[in-house]
Each structure stands twice: as structure tokens, then as C-alpha cells.
Amino acid sequence: MSKHLIAAGMVAVCLCAASAEAQRSRSSTCADCHFARPEAPAQDHLNSWRNSPHGRNNVGCEKCHGGDASTYERLPAHARILMAGNVKSPVNRRNLPTTCGARHVGPFVAFQDSRHYQLLEAGQEYGPTCSTCHETVGGELLSPKALEGRCGSCHGLDEIAPRAGRPQLARRVYERLAALRVDLKAAQGGIKKIADPERRAEMLDAYGQAEVPLTLRSFQTSRDCSCGMTP
């Protein structure tokens, strides 16, 4: 057998191993079992998880729902799982901010300083929660236009909440933020091409500092446009 064939075989083995490892990193014991049982409930929920950032980053079902992901035994696997309608469930709409906020700290802190959070804590049925904008499991990030539509479903004319101009304001702000992020990304590409290591490190530090106000502004806008605290 030629050296080229041996080398090609070794590469193929490595690629297969890498693919298997990648597949394992995206797997979930809970999801594996539910996918294997077509009669299991909420198959659309499973598919949303598989195609979401949560699925791609191996954030398993148990991270939000609880249960024991180390076993395929039905009863132990579902121990202590509470349905979403239970007020003590971590995926109850009122508890979602705390559940999601365990990993998404910045948005959770900003959300706590909003009128939306006050409505949710007061038990109002129309008080928005994380899934109102990001869907139940997909972790959807809305475009500025989609954000305007989502906000307008409540804040549009003749709807349940005041301040009909807020959706349009939110869209304009996020469009500007998106444009600035495009400019920053282009700058990052140029920084990586700098030959001098010290100069490159200096510019990367400046790049990191430039990202801070954009992140803060995103959080502030999400707070202020959440039926903002100010008139």
C-alpha cells in the first residue's frame, strides 16, 4: 500500500473521529431518548432545541427543565421535573428570567430594571418574559425589523400597552448598533493583520474597550424599551 493511501486513510479516520466527537458534544441524553420515541410529547420543541444555539453548544434539556440526564431510565430521568404551568417550575414564564439569567447574566440584570419585569413579577398575564421575544427554546435573536414587529404586537395602536412609538424607536437604535458592529468587525480584521505583536495587542485591547459601550447600550435599550421606567 502506498504512503499516500496510508496517509489518506489516517486522515479519514481522524475526520470520522472528529465528526463523532462533534456529534457527541451536541448530544443530550434527554433529547436522544425523546428523539428515539416518536410518541414522546413536544417533538417540535426537540427539533427547535437541536437547531438552536442551545443545542449547538450542548446546553441540554436538564439545564432548564431539571431531571437526571445521566440515565435512560424513565422514572429517575424525570424525577423532580415540574410542568411549565407549575409556579415552582424553572420554565414557568414567571421563573424564566431567573433560569435563563443563570447563564445570561447581563441581559437578566438589565431586564430586572424594566417595567416588563415589574409586570411579570406582579403576575400580569401580559407581562413579557424571555420566551416572549426569544421563543421557548430556540434562543432566537430578532433582527431590528422583527423586534419592531414583536414590540408592536403589544405597543401598536389600539393594543394592550401604551407608548405606541416604542417599537419604531427600538428598531432605529438596534439598526444603528448593528451598523456599528459591522464597522467594528471590519476593524478587527485589519487589526489581526498588524505584524507588530505589541501594536496588535494594543489595538485588540482598544477594540475590546470599544465593544463595551455597544453592549451597555444594547442592555439599556432593552431596558428602556421594555415599557420603560421613564415616560
Protein backbone atom coordinates (compact mmCIF):
# COMPACT_ATOMS: atom_id res chain seq x y z
CA MET A 1 0.00 0.00 0.00
CA SER A 2 1.42 3.40 -0.96
CA LYS A 3 2.31 6.04 1.58
CA HIS A 4 -0.30 8.33 0.02
CA LEU A 5 -3.07 5.78 0.61
CA ILE A 6 -1.95 5.23 4.18
CA ALA A 7 -1.92 8.98 4.80
CA ALA A 8 -5.36 9.37 3.24
CA GLY A 9 -6.70 6.56 5.42
CA MET A 10 -5.31 8.16 8.55
CA VAL A 11 -6.87 11.49 7.62
CA ALA A 12 -10.24 9.80 7.04
CA VAL A 13 -10.05 8.10 10.45
CA CYS A 14 -9.22 11.39 12.14
CA LEU A 15 -12.07 13.16 10.35
CA CYS A 16 -14.54 10.44 11.37
CA ALA A 17 -13.35 10.63 14.97
CA ALA A 18 -13.67 14.42 14.95
CA SER A 19 -17.16 14.16 13.46
CA ALA A 20 -18.19 11.64 16.10
CA GLU A 21 -16.79 13.83 18.85
CA ALA A 22 -18.62 16.87 17.46
CA GLN A 23 -21.84 14.86 17.34
CA ARG A 24 -21.37 13.76 20.97
CA SER A 25 -20.74 17.36 22.01
CA ARG A 26 -24.10 18.31 20.54
CA SER A 27 -25.99 15.40 22.08
CA SER A 28 -28.23 15.26 25.09
CA THR A 29 -29.30 12.10 26.90
CA CYS A 30 -32.77 13.56 27.34
CA ALA A 31 -33.05 14.55 23.67
CA ASP A 32 -31.61 11.23 22.45
CA CYS A 33 -34.28 9.29 24.32
CA HIS A 34 -37.13 11.56 23.23
CA PHE A 35 -36.00 11.53 19.60
CA ALA A 36 -35.97 7.73 19.73
CA ARG A 37 -39.59 7.71 20.88
CA PRO A 38 -41.80 9.40 18.25
CA GLU A 39 -44.77 9.16 20.61
CA ALA A 40 -42.97 11.37 23.16
CA PRO A 41 -44.59 14.81 23.50
CA ALA A 42 -43.31 18.10 22.08
CA GLN A 43 -41.30 16.79 19.13
CA ASP A 44 -41.32 20.31 17.65
CA HIS A 45 -39.70 21.50 20.88
CA LEU A 46 -36.94 18.93 20.43
CA ASN A 47 -36.32 19.98 16.85
CA SER A 48 -36.15 23.62 17.88
CA TRP A 49 -33.57 22.71 20.51
CA ARG A 50 -31.46 20.68 18.06
CA ASN A 51 -31.26 23.59 15.60
CA SER A 52 -30.71 26.26 18.25
CA PRO A 53 -27.59 27.82 19.81
CA HIS A 54 -28.51 25.83 22.93
CA GLY A 55 -28.28 22.56 21.04
CA ARG A 56 -25.10 23.54 19.21
CA ASN A 57 -23.45 24.46 22.50
CA ASN A 58 -24.56 21.32 24.34
CA VAL A 59 -26.94 23.09 26.71
CA GLY A 60 -29.04 20.02 27.50
CA CYS A 61 -32.70 19.84 28.43
CA GLU A 62 -31.90 19.28 32.10
CA LYS A 63 -30.26 22.72 32.34
CA CYS A 64 -33.72 24.29 32.17
CA HIS A 65 -36.20 21.55 32.94
CA GLY A 66 -34.30 19.69 35.66
CA GLY A 67 -34.31 15.90 35.83
CA ASP A 68 -31.41 13.46 35.68
CA ALA A 69 -29.61 13.41 32.31
CA SER A 70 -27.21 10.65 33.39
CA THR A 71 -29.77 7.86 32.96
CA TYR A 72 -32.12 6.47 30.32
CA GLU A 73 -34.42 5.04 33.00
CA ARG A 74 -37.77 6.80 32.63
CA LEU A 75 -38.66 7.45 36.27
CA PRO A 76 -35.24 8.59 37.53
CA ALA A 77 -34.72 10.69 34.39
CA HIS A 78 -37.94 12.62 35.02
CA ALA A 79 -37.57 12.91 38.79
CA ARG A 80 -38.47 16.35 40.14
CA ILE A 81 -39.41 17.75 36.70
CA LEU A 82 -42.32 20.16 37.01
CA MET A 83 -44.60 21.17 34.15
CA ALA A 84 -44.36 24.75 32.94
CA GLY A 85 -47.77 25.57 34.42
CA ASN A 86 -46.49 24.81 37.92
CA VAL A 87 -45.48 28.07 39.64
CA LYS A 88 -42.38 26.33 41.04
CA SER A 89 -41.16 25.08 37.66
CA PRO A 90 -37.94 26.70 36.41
CA VAL A 91 -39.60 27.05 32.99
CA ASN A 92 -42.75 28.69 34.34
CA ARG A 93 -43.00 32.01 32.50
CA ARG A 94 -42.52 33.95 35.73
CA ASN A 95 -39.38 31.98 36.62
CA LEU A 96 -37.80 32.01 33.16
CA PRO A 97 -35.74 35.18 33.72
CA THR A 98 -34.01 33.59 36.72
CA THR A 99 -33.47 30.31 34.86
CA CYS A 100 -32.10 31.97 31.74
CA GLY A 101 -30.29 34.61 33.78
CA ALA A 102 -28.08 31.97 35.39
CA ARG A 103 -26.16 31.93 32.10
CA HIS A 104 -27.22 35.24 30.52
CA VAL A 105 -26.33 37.49 33.42
CA GLY A 106 -26.07 40.84 31.60
CA PRO A 107 -29.49 40.68 29.92
CA PHE A 108 -31.06 39.43 33.16
CA VAL A 109 -29.68 42.37 35.14
CA ALA A 110 -30.97 44.80 32.51
CA PHE A 111 -34.36 43.08 32.41
CA GLN A 112 -34.75 43.38 36.18
CA ASP A 113 -34.58 47.16 35.78
CA SER A 114 -37.55 47.26 33.41
CA ARG A 115 -41.28 47.76 33.58
CA HIS A 116 -41.67 44.40 31.83
CA TYR A 117 -40.05 42.67 34.80
CA GLN A 118 -42.31 44.53 37.23
CA LEU A 119 -45.39 43.36 35.32
CA LEU A 120 -44.12 39.78 35.28
CA GLU A 121 -43.36 39.81 39.00
CA ALA A 122 -46.81 41.24 39.68
CA GLY A 123 -48.33 38.21 37.95
CA GLN A 124 -49.77 40.10 34.98
CA GLU A 125 -50.68 37.74 32.16
CA TYR A 126 -49.33 40.14 29.55
CA GLY A 127 -46.06 40.73 31.39
CA PRO A 128 -43.37 39.71 28.85
CA THR A 129 -40.81 37.08 29.74
CA CYS A 130 -37.72 35.72 27.96
CA SER A 131 -39.67 33.46 25.60
CA THR A 132 -41.86 36.37 24.50
CA CYS A 133 -39.03 37.59 22.29
CA HIS A 134 -36.59 34.67 22.16
CA GLU A 135 -39.03 31.73 21.78
CA THR A 136 -39.25 28.85 24.24
CA VAL A 137 -36.04 27.03 23.39
CA GLY A 138 -34.55 28.39 20.18
CA GLY A 139 -32.75 31.36 21.70
CA GLU A 140 -33.90 33.44 18.73
CA LEU A 141 -32.16 36.79 18.27
CA LEU A 142 -34.52 39.16 16.50
CA SER A 143 -33.45 41.47 13.70
CA PRO A 144 -34.28 45.17 14.22
CA LYS A 145 -37.30 44.81 11.91
CA ALA A 146 -38.53 41.65 13.66
CA LEU A 147 -38.00 43.35 17.02
CA GLU A 148 -40.20 46.25 15.93
CA GLY A 149 -42.94 43.80 14.97
CA ARG A 150 -42.69 41.87 18.22
CA CYS A 151 -42.84 45.03 20.33
CA GLY A 152 -45.69 46.33 18.17
CA SER A 153 -47.80 43.27 18.96
CA CYS A 154 -48.41 44.90 22.34
CA HIS A 155 -47.37 48.52 21.86
CA GLY A 156 -49.02 49.13 18.49
CA LEU A 157 -52.05 51.34 18.16
CA ASP A 158 -55.14 50.05 19.97
CA GLU A 159 -53.12 47.30 21.67
CA ILE A 160 -52.85 46.49 25.37
CA ALA A 161 -49.86 48.67 26.31
CA PRO A 162 -49.12 52.39 25.90
CA ARG A 163 -46.25 54.13 24.08
CA ALA A 164 -47.02 53.11 20.52
CA GLY A 165 -43.82 54.80 19.32
CA ARG A 166 -41.53 52.49 21.29
CA PRO A 167 -41.30 49.72 18.65
CA GLN A 168 -40.06 52.12 15.99
CA LEU A 169 -37.59 53.67 18.44
CA ALA A 170 -36.21 50.25 19.36
CA ARG A 171 -35.75 49.36 15.69
CA ARG A 172 -33.83 52.57 14.94
CA VAL A 173 -31.49 52.07 17.90
CA TYR A 174 -30.75 48.45 17.06
CA GLU A 175 -30.18 49.31 13.39
CA ARG A 176 -27.54 51.83 14.45
CA LEU A 177 -25.97 49.30 16.82
CA ALA A 178 -25.88 46.69 14.04
CA ALA A 179 -24.13 49.15 11.69
CA LEU A 180 -21.53 49.96 14.33
CA ARG A 181 -20.88 46.25 14.93
CA VAL A 182 -20.24 45.77 11.18
CA ASP A 183 -17.65 48.57 11.33
CA LEU A 184 -16.05 47.03 14.40
CA LYS A 185 -15.84 43.61 12.77
CA ALA A 186 -14.11 45.15 9.75
CA ALA A 187 -11.68 46.89 12.08
CA GLN A 188 -10.97 43.61 13.86
CA GLY A 189 -9.97 42.04 10.55
CA GLY A 190 -7.49 44.84 9.97
CA ILE A 191 -6.09 44.55 13.48
CA LYS A 192 -5.32 40.86 13.01
CA LYS A 193 -3.12 41.73 10.03
CA ILE A 194 -0.84 44.02 12.05
CA ALA A 195 2.62 42.47 12.04
CA ASP A 196 3.96 44.11 15.20
CA PRO A 197 2.77 41.94 18.16
CA GLU A 198 2.83 44.80 20.66
CA ARG A 199 0.92 47.12 18.37
CA ARG A 200 -1.57 44.35 17.55
CA ALA A 201 -2.15 43.65 21.25
CA GLU A 202 -2.63 47.37 21.90
CA MET A 203 -5.22 47.65 19.14
CA LEU A 204 -7.04 44.49 20.27
CA ASP A 205 -7.33 45.98 23.73
CA ALA A 206 -8.75 49.19 22.22
CA TYR A 207 -11.18 47.04 20.20
CA GLY A 208 -12.38 45.35 23.40
CA GLN A 209 -12.91 48.73 25.01
CA ALA A 210 -14.94 49.90 22.01
CA GLU A 211 -17.28 46.92 22.40
CA VAL A 212 -18.19 47.84 25.98
CA PRO A 213 -20.44 50.86 25.25
CA LEU A 214 -22.19 48.92 22.47
CA THR A 215 -23.02 46.12 24.87
CA LEU A 216 -24.17 48.55 27.53
CA ARG A 217 -26.30 50.41 25.02
CA SER A 218 -27.95 47.16 23.95
CA PHE A 219 -28.84 46.38 27.56
CA GLN A 220 -30.04 49.94 28.21
CA THR A 221 -32.26 49.89 25.12
CA SER A 222 -33.76 46.54 26.08
CA ARG A 223 -34.49 48.03 29.49
CA ASP A 224 -35.82 51.39 28.31
CA CYS A 225 -37.97 49.90 25.54
CA SER A 226 -39.44 47.37 27.94
CA CYS A 227 -42.36 49.64 28.79
CA GLY A 228 -39.57 51.86 30.07
CA MET A 229 -39.27 53.19 33.54
CA THR A 230 -39.27 56.73 32.20
CA PRO A 231 -42.19 58.45 30.42
